[in-house]
């Protein structure tokens, strides 16, 4: 039972990390999809998703350690 709890905790931590990194991109893409399905123009939502994806990519490429742990929150 303990092993299952550890696996579930690791999956939860990984999901939180992925959502933190890509959350805004996913929300913009979902909004664009909803707008297109409803027959509206989703150019602004698609543009927002593109810019958030570029931001996520640049943040993923930076080295993170204890010396710059809280740098994004300043």
PDB file of N, CA and C in Angstrom:
ATOM      1  N   UNK A   1       0.824  -1.199   0.000  1.00  0.00           N
ATOM      2  CA  UNK A   1       0.000   0.000   0.000  1.00  0.00           C
ATOM      3  C   UNK A   1       0.870   1.267   0.000  1.00  0.00           C
ATOM      4  N   UNK A   2       1.961   1.209   0.718  1.00  0.00           N
ATOM      5  CA  UNK A   2       2.848   2.368   0.787  1.00  0.00           C
ATOM      6  C   UNK A   2       3.445   2.679  -0.581  1.00  0.00           C
ATOM      7  N   UNK A   3       3.786   1.631  -1.326  1.00  0.00           N
ATOM      8  CA  UNK A   3       4.355   1.859  -2.657  1.00  0.00           C
ATOM      9  C   UNK A   3       3.363   2.569  -3.571  1.00  0.00           C
ATOM     10  N   UNK A   4       2.098   2.204  -3.478  1.00  0.00           N
ATOM     11  CA  UNK A   4       1.076   2.850  -4.295  1.00  0.00           C
ATOM     12  C   UNK A   4       0.922   4.321  -3.925  1.00  0.00           C
ATOM     13  N   UNK A   5       0.995   4.622  -2.649  1.00  0.00           N
ATOM     14  CA  UNK A   5       0.907   6.020  -2.216  1.00  0.00           C
ATOM     15  C   UNK A   5       2.090   6.828  -2.735  1.00  0.00           C
ATOM     16  N   UNK A   6       3.272   6.228  -2.725  1.00  0.00           N
ATOM     17  CA  UNK A   6       4.455   6.926  -3.233  1.00  0.00           C
ATOM     18  C   UNK A   6       4.326   7.163  -4.738  1.00  0.00           C
ATOM     19  N   UNK A   7       3.855   6.178  -5.472  1.00  0.00           N
ATOM     20  CA  UNK A   7       3.682   6.326  -6.924  1.00  0.00           C
ATOM     21  C   UNK A   7       2.647   7.402  -7.232  1.00  0.00           C
ATOM     22  N   UNK A   8       1.537   7.388  -6.503  1.00  0.00           N
ATOM     23  CA  UNK A   8       0.499   8.402  -6.717  1.00  0.00           C
ATOM     24  C   UNK A   8       1.040   9.790  -6.393  1.00  0.00           C
ATOM     25  N   UNK A   9       1.819   9.919  -5.339  1.00  0.00           N
ATOM     26  CA  UNK A   9       2.405  11.216  -4.974  1.00  0.00           C
ATOM     27  C   UNK A   9       3.370  11.693  -6.053  1.00  0.00           C
ATOM     28  N   UNK A  10       4.183  10.801  -6.604  1.00  0.00           N
ATOM     29  CA  UNK A  10       5.111  11.194  -7.661  1.00  0.00           C
ATOM     30  C   UNK A  10       4.376  11.624  -8.927  1.00  0.00           C
ATOM     31  N   UNK A  11       3.323  10.912  -9.264  1.00  0.00           N
ATOM     32  CA  UNK A  11       2.527  11.294 -10.432  1.00  0.00           C
ATOM     33  C   UNK A  11       1.879  12.653 -10.205  1.00  0.00           C
ATOM     34  N   UNK A  12       1.385  12.900  -8.995  1.00  0.00           N
ATOM     35  CA  UNK A  12       0.763  14.193  -8.692  1.00  0.00           C
ATOM     36  C   UNK A  12       1.781  15.323  -8.790  1.00  0.00           C
ATOM     37  N   UNK A  13       2.969  15.116  -8.271  1.00  0.00           N
ATOM     38  CA  UNK A  13       4.010  16.154  -8.342  1.00  0.00           C
ATOM     39  C   UNK A  13       4.394  16.415  -9.796  1.00  0.00           C
ATOM     40  N   UNK A  14       4.518  15.359 -10.592  1.00  0.00           N
ATOM     41  CA  UNK A  14       4.844  15.536 -12.009  1.00  0.00           C
ATOM     42  C   UNK A  14       3.733  16.277 -12.738  1.00  0.00           C
ATOM     43  N   UNK A  15       2.482  15.954 -12.446  1.00  0.00           N
ATOM     44  CA  UNK A  15       1.354  16.633 -13.095  1.00  0.00           C
ATOM     45  C   UNK A  15       1.308  18.107 -12.712  1.00  0.00           C
ATOM     46  N   UNK A  16       1.585  18.408 -11.469  1.00  0.00           N
ATOM     47  CA  UNK A  16       1.608  19.811 -11.024  1.00  0.00           C
ATOM     48  C   UNK A  16       2.719  20.567 -11.746  1.00  0.00           C
ATOM     49  N   UNK A  17       3.881  19.948 -11.892  1.00  0.00           N
ATOM     50  CA  UNK A  17       4.987  20.585 -12.593  1.00  0.00           C
ATOM     51  C   UNK A  17       4.680  20.857 -14.051  1.00  0.00           C
ATOM     52  N   UNK A  18       4.087  19.893 -14.726  1.00  0.00           N
ATOM     53  CA  UNK A  18       3.729  20.070 -16.142  1.00  0.00           C
ATOM     54  C   UNK A  18       2.660  21.140 -16.284  1.00  0.00           C
ATOM     55  N   UNK A  19       1.675  21.122 -15.415  1.00  0.00           N
ATOM     56  CA  UNK A  19       0.607  22.123 -15.507  1.00  0.00           C
ATOM     57  C   UNK A  19       1.135  23.517 -15.192  1.00  0.00           C
ATOM     58  N   UNK A  20       2.074  23.617 -14.261  1.00  0.00           N
ATOM     59  CA  UNK A  20       2.666  24.914 -13.954  1.00  0.00           C
ATOM     60  C   UNK A  20       3.430  25.454 -15.165  1.00  0.00           C
ATOM     61  N   UNK A  21       4.137  24.576 -15.841  1.00  0.00           N
ATOM     62  CA  UNK A  21       4.930  25.003 -16.990  1.00  0.00           C
ATOM     63  C   UNK A  21       4.068  25.323 -18.201  1.00  0.00           C
ATOM     64  N   UNK A  22       3.038  24.520 -18.452  1.00  0.00           N
ATOM     65  CA  UNK A  22       2.259  24.649 -19.683  1.00  0.00           C
ATOM     66  C   UNK A  22       0.804  25.056 -19.456  1.00  0.00           C
ATOM     67  N   UNK A  23       0.429  25.421 -18.252  1.00  0.00           N
ATOM     68  CA  UNK A  23      -0.968  25.697 -17.937  1.00  0.00           C
ATOM     69  C   UNK A  23      -1.601  26.798 -18.765  1.00  0.00           C
ATOM     70  N   UNK A  24      -0.916  27.918 -18.887  1.00  0.00           N
ATOM     71  CA  UNK A  24      -1.472  29.040 -19.635  1.00  0.00           C
ATOM     72  C   UNK A  24      -1.601  28.694 -21.115  1.00  0.00           C
ATOM     73  N   UNK A  25      -0.642  27.957 -21.647  1.00  0.00           N
ATOM     74  CA  UNK A  25      -0.709  27.531 -23.043  1.00  0.00           C
ATOM     75  C   UNK A  25      -1.911  26.631 -23.281  1.00  0.00           C
ATOM     76  N   UNK A  26      -2.127  25.692 -22.362  1.00  0.00           N
ATOM     77  CA  UNK A  26      -3.268  24.780 -22.488  1.00  0.00           C
ATOM     78  C   UNK A  26      -4.584  25.545 -22.408  1.00  0.00           C
ATOM     79  N   UNK A  27      -4.675  26.513 -21.502  1.00  0.00           N
ATOM     80  CA  UNK A  27      -5.907  27.309 -21.391  1.00  0.00           C
ATOM     81  C   UNK A  27      -6.163  28.111 -22.657  1.00  0.00           C
ATOM     82  N   UNK A  28      -5.122  28.719 -23.237  1.00  0.00           N
ATOM     83  CA  UNK A  28      -5.294  29.489 -24.474  1.00  0.00           C
ATOM     84  C   UNK A  28      -5.692  28.601 -25.642  1.00  0.00           C
ATOM     85  N   UNK A  29      -5.101  27.415 -25.732  1.00  0.00           N
ATOM     86  CA  UNK A  29      -5.465  26.511 -26.823  1.00  0.00           C
ATOM     87  C   UNK A  29      -6.898  26.019 -26.668  1.00  0.00           C
ATOM     88  N   UNK A  30      -7.314  25.742 -25.450  1.00  0.00           N
ATOM     89  CA  UNK A  30      -8.692  25.314 -25.211  1.00  0.00           C
ATOM     90  C   UNK A  30      -9.675  26.434 -25.542  1.00  0.00           C
ATOM     91  N   UNK A  31      -9.314  27.660 -25.186  1.00  0.00           N
ATOM     92  CA  UNK A  31     -10.178  28.800 -25.506  1.00  0.00           C
ATOM     93  C   UNK A  31     -10.271  28.988 -27.019  1.00  0.00           C
ATOM     94  N   UNK A  32      -9.152  28.835 -27.727  1.00  0.00           N
ATOM     95  CA  UNK A  32      -9.169  28.942 -29.184  1.00  0.00           C
ATOM     96  C   UNK A  32     -10.018  27.866 -29.828  1.00  0.00           C
ATOM     97  N   UNK A  33      -9.936  26.659 -29.309  1.00  0.00           N
ATOM     98  CA  UNK A  33     -10.747  25.563 -29.822  1.00  0.00           C
ATOM     99  C   UNK A  33     -12.230  25.834 -29.600  1.00  0.00           C
ATOM    100  N   UNK A  34     -12.578  26.325 -28.413  1.00  0.00           N
ATOM    101  CA  UNK A  34     -13.982  26.628 -28.118  1.00  0.00           C
ATOM    102  C   UNK A  34     -14.506  27.749 -29.012  1.00  0.00           C
ATOM    103  N   UNK A  35     -13.681  28.760 -29.263  1.00  0.00           N
ATOM    104  CA  UNK A  35     -14.103  29.853 -30.138  1.00  0.00           C
ATOM    105  C   UNK A  35     -14.308  29.380 -31.570  1.00  0.00           C
ATOM    106  N   UNK A  36     -13.404  28.556 -32.072  1.00  0.00           N
ATOM    107  CA  UNK A  36     -13.536  28.057 -33.438  1.00  0.00           C
ATOM    108  C   UNK A  36     -14.759  27.156 -33.589  1.00  0.00           C
ATOM    109  N   UNK A  37     -15.027  26.321 -32.591  1.00  0.00           N
ATOM    110  CA  UNK A  37     -16.188  25.442 -32.656  1.00  0.00           C
ATOM    111  C   UNK A  37     -17.482  26.251 -32.649  1.00  0.00           C
ATOM    112  N   UNK A  38     -17.479  27.379 -31.927  1.00  0.00           N
ATOM    113  CA  UNK A  38     -18.682  28.206 -31.871  1.00  0.00           C
ATOM    114  C   UNK A  38     -18.815  29.120 -33.087  1.00  0.00           C
ATOM    115  N   UNK A  39     -17.851  29.067 -34.019  1.00  0.00           N
ATOM    116  CA  UNK A  39     -17.949  29.845 -35.246  1.00  0.00           C
ATOM    117  C   UNK A  39     -17.324  31.217 -35.162  1.00  0.00           C
ATOM    118  N   UNK A  40     -16.574  31.496 -34.115  1.00  0.00           N
ATOM    119  CA  UNK A  40     -15.939  32.799 -33.951  1.00  0.00           C
ATOM    120  C   UNK A  40     -14.477  32.711 -34.368  1.00  0.00           C
ATOM    121  N   UNK A  41     -13.846  33.884 -34.500  1.00  0.00           N
ATOM    122  CA  UNK A  41     -12.433  33.941 -34.852  1.00  0.00           C
ATOM    123  C   UNK A  41     -11.602  33.763 -33.589  1.00  0.00           C
ATOM    124  N   UNK A  42     -10.654  32.857 -33.614  1.00  0.00           N
ATOM    125  CA  UNK A  42      -9.836  32.559 -32.445  1.00  0.00           C
ATOM    126  C   UNK A  42      -8.395  33.011 -32.627  1.00  0.00           C
ATOM    127  N   UNK A  43      -8.160  33.995 -33.469  1.00  0.00           N
ATOM    128  CA  UNK A  43      -6.795  34.435 -33.748  1.00  0.00           C
ATOM    129  C   UNK A  43      -6.101  34.951 -32.490  1.00  0.00           C
ATOM    130  N   UNK A  44      -6.812  35.676 -31.642  1.00  0.00           N
ATOM    131  CA  UNK A  44      -6.174  36.210 -30.429  1.00  0.00           C
ATOM    132  C   UNK A  44      -5.826  35.097 -29.449  1.00  0.00           C
ATOM    133  N   UNK A  45      -6.683  34.098 -29.309  1.00  0.00           N
ATOM    134  CA  UNK A  45      -6.393  32.980 -28.414  1.00  0.00           C
ATOM    135  C   UNK A  45      -5.233  32.146 -28.941  1.00  0.00           C
ATOM    136  N   UNK A  46      -5.172  31.968 -30.254  1.00  0.00           N
ATOM    137  CA  UNK A  46      -4.075  31.211 -30.855  1.00  0.00           C
ATOM    138  C   UNK A  46      -2.761  31.979 -30.688  1.00  0.00           C
ATOM    139  N   UNK A  47      -2.813  33.281 -30.861  1.00  0.00           N
ATOM    140  CA  UNK A  47      -1.626  34.110 -30.667  1.00  0.00           C
ATOM    141  C   UNK A  47      -1.165  34.050 -29.213  1.00  0.00           C
ATOM    142  N   UNK A  48      -2.107  34.098 -28.283  1.00  0.00           N
ATOM    143  CA  UNK A  48      -1.760  33.992 -26.867  1.00  0.00           C
ATOM    144  C   UNK A  48      -1.147  32.648 -26.538  1.00  0.00           C
ATOM    145  N   UNK A  49      -1.681  31.577 -27.111  1.00  0.00           N
ATOM    146  CA  UNK A  49      -1.115  30.245 -26.887  1.00  0.00           C
ATOM    147  C   UNK A  49       0.300  30.152 -27.439  1.00  0.00           C
ATOM    148  N   UNK A  50       0.525  30.765 -28.595  1.00  0.00           N
ATOM    149  CA  UNK A  50       1.854  30.741 -29.204  1.00  0.00           C
ATOM    150  C   UNK A  50       2.861  31.478 -28.322  1.00  0.00           C
ATOM    151  N   UNK A  51       2.488  32.640 -27.812  1.00  0.00           N
ATOM    152  CA  UNK A  51       3.422  33.400 -26.981  1.00  0.00           C
ATOM    153  C   UNK A  51       3.679  32.701 -25.654  1.00  0.00           C
ATOM    154  N   UNK A  52       2.649  32.087 -25.065  1.00  0.00           N
ATOM    155  CA  UNK A  52       2.849  31.357 -23.817  1.00  0.00           C
ATOM    156  C   UNK A  52       3.716  30.118 -24.042  1.00  0.00           C
ATOM    157  N   UNK A  53       3.573  29.456 -25.185  1.00  0.00           N
ATOM    158  CA  UNK A  53       4.412  28.298 -25.489  1.00  0.00           C
ATOM    159  C   UNK A  53       5.870  28.718 -25.642  1.00  0.00           C
ATOM    160  N   UNK A  54       6.105  29.870 -26.272  1.00  0.00           N
ATOM    161  CA  UNK A  54       7.474  30.371 -26.401  1.00  0.00           C
ATOM    162  C   UNK A  54       8.056  30.709 -25.037  1.00  0.00           C
ATOM    163  N   UNK A  55       7.251  31.299 -24.158  1.00  0.00           N
ATOM    164  CA  UNK A  55       7.697  31.606 -22.801  1.00  0.00           C
ATOM    165  C   UNK A  55       8.031  30.331 -22.041  1.00  0.00           C
ATOM    166  N   UNK A  56       7.172  29.317 -22.163  1.00  0.00           N
ATOM    167  CA  UNK A  56       7.422  28.039 -21.487  1.00  0.00           C
ATOM    168  C   UNK A  56       8.702  27.396 -22.003  1.00  0.00           C
ATOM    169  N   UNK A  57       8.949  27.507 -23.303  1.00  0.00           N
ATOM    170  CA  UNK A  57      10.163  26.923 -23.871  1.00  0.00           C
ATOM    171  C   UNK A  57      11.399  27.635 -23.349  1.00  0.00           C
ATOM    172  N   UNK A  58      11.367  28.955 -23.276  1.00  0.00           N
ATOM    173  CA  UNK A  58      12.536  29.685 -22.788  1.00  0.00           C
ATOM    174  C   UNK A  58      12.754  29.429 -21.301  1.00  0.00           C
ATOM    175  N   UNK A  59      11.690  29.286 -20.527  1.00  0.00           N
ATOM    176  CA  UNK A  59      11.839  28.986 -19.103  1.00  0.00           C
ATOM    177  C   UNK A  59      12.363  27.574 -18.891  1.00  0.00           C
ATOM    178  N   UNK A  60      11.986  26.653 -19.763  1.00  0.00           N
ATOM    179  CA  UNK A  60      12.463  25.278 -19.633  1.00  0.00           C
ATOM    180  C   UNK A  60      13.943  25.177 -19.965  1.00  0.00           C
ATOM    181  N   UNK A  61      14.441  26.082 -20.797  1.00  0.00           N
ATOM    182  CA  UNK A  61      15.842  26.034 -21.200  1.00  0.00           C
ATOM    183  C   UNK A  61      16.770  26.661 -20.164  1.00  0.00           C
ATOM    184  N   UNK A  62      16.246  27.412 -19.211  1.00  0.00           N
ATOM    185  CA  UNK A  62      17.104  28.049 -18.222  1.00  0.00           C
ATOM    186  C   UNK A  62      17.426  27.075 -17.098  1.00  0.00           C
ATOM    187  N   UNK A  63      18.628  27.223 -16.571  1.00  0.00           N
ATOM    188  CA  UNK A  63      19.056  26.372 -15.470  1.00  0.00           C
ATOM    189  C   UNK A  63      18.418  26.869 -14.190  1.00  0.00           C
ATOM    190  N   UNK A  64      17.860  25.959 -13.434  1.00  0.00           N
ATOM    191  CA  UNK A  64      17.240  26.334 -12.172  1.00  0.00           C
ATOM    192  C   UNK A  64      17.964  25.629 -11.049  1.00  0.00           C
ATOM    193  N   UNK A  65      18.274  26.384 -10.042  1.00  0.00           N
ATOM    194  CA  UNK A  65      18.941  25.846  -8.862  1.00  0.00           C
ATOM    195  C   UNK A  65      18.534  26.663  -7.652  1.00  0.00           C
ATOM    196  N   UNK A  66      19.194  26.430  -6.565  1.00  0.00           N
ATOM    197  CA  UNK A  66      18.846  27.167  -5.353  1.00  0.00           C
ATOM    198  C   UNK A  66      19.245  28.635  -5.434  1.00  0.00           C
ATOM    199  N   UNK A  67      20.237  28.965  -6.269  1.00  0.00           N
ATOM    200  CA  UNK A  67      20.657  30.362  -6.384  1.00  0.00           C
ATOM    201  C   UNK A  67      19.636  31.229  -7.113  1.00  0.00           C
ATOM    202  N   UNK A  68      18.808  30.662  -8.001  1.00  0.00           N
ATOM    203  CA  UNK A  68      17.794  31.452  -8.712  1.00  0.00           C
ATOM    204  C   UNK A  68      16.405  30.813  -8.585  1.00  0.00           C
ATOM    205  N   UNK A  69      16.156  30.164  -7.469  1.00  0.00           N
ATOM    206  CA  UNK A  69      14.909  29.420  -7.273  1.00  0.00           C
ATOM    207  C   UNK A  69      13.687  30.304  -7.382  1.00  0.00           C
ATOM    208  N   UNK A  70      13.706  31.485  -6.806  1.00  0.00           N
ATOM    209  CA  UNK A  70      12.541  32.357  -6.760  1.00  0.00           C
ATOM    210  C   UNK A  70      12.647  33.516  -7.752  1.00  0.00           C
ATOM    211  N   UNK A  71      13.467  33.379  -8.770  1.00  0.00           N
ATOM    212  CA  UNK A  71      13.710  34.491  -9.699  1.00  0.00           C
ATOM    213  C   UNK A  71      12.481  34.848 -10.520  1.00  0.00           C
ATOM    214  N   UNK A  72      11.622  33.895 -10.858  1.00  0.00           N
ATOM    215  CA  UNK A  72      10.454  34.189 -11.671  1.00  0.00           C
ATOM    216  C   UNK A  72       9.349  34.896 -10.909  1.00  0.00           C
ATOM    217  N   UNK A  73       9.425  34.902  -9.597  1.00  0.00           N
ATOM    218  CA  UNK A  73       8.368  35.496  -8.782  1.00  0.00           C
ATOM    219  C   UNK A  73       8.695  36.908  -8.325  1.00  0.00           C
ATOM    220  N   UNK A  74       9.756  37.470  -8.812  1.00  0.00           N
ATOM    221  CA  UNK A  74      10.115  38.834  -8.397  1.00  0.00           C
ATOM    222  C   UNK A  74       9.508  39.845  -9.298  1.00  0.00           C
TER     223      UNK A  74
END
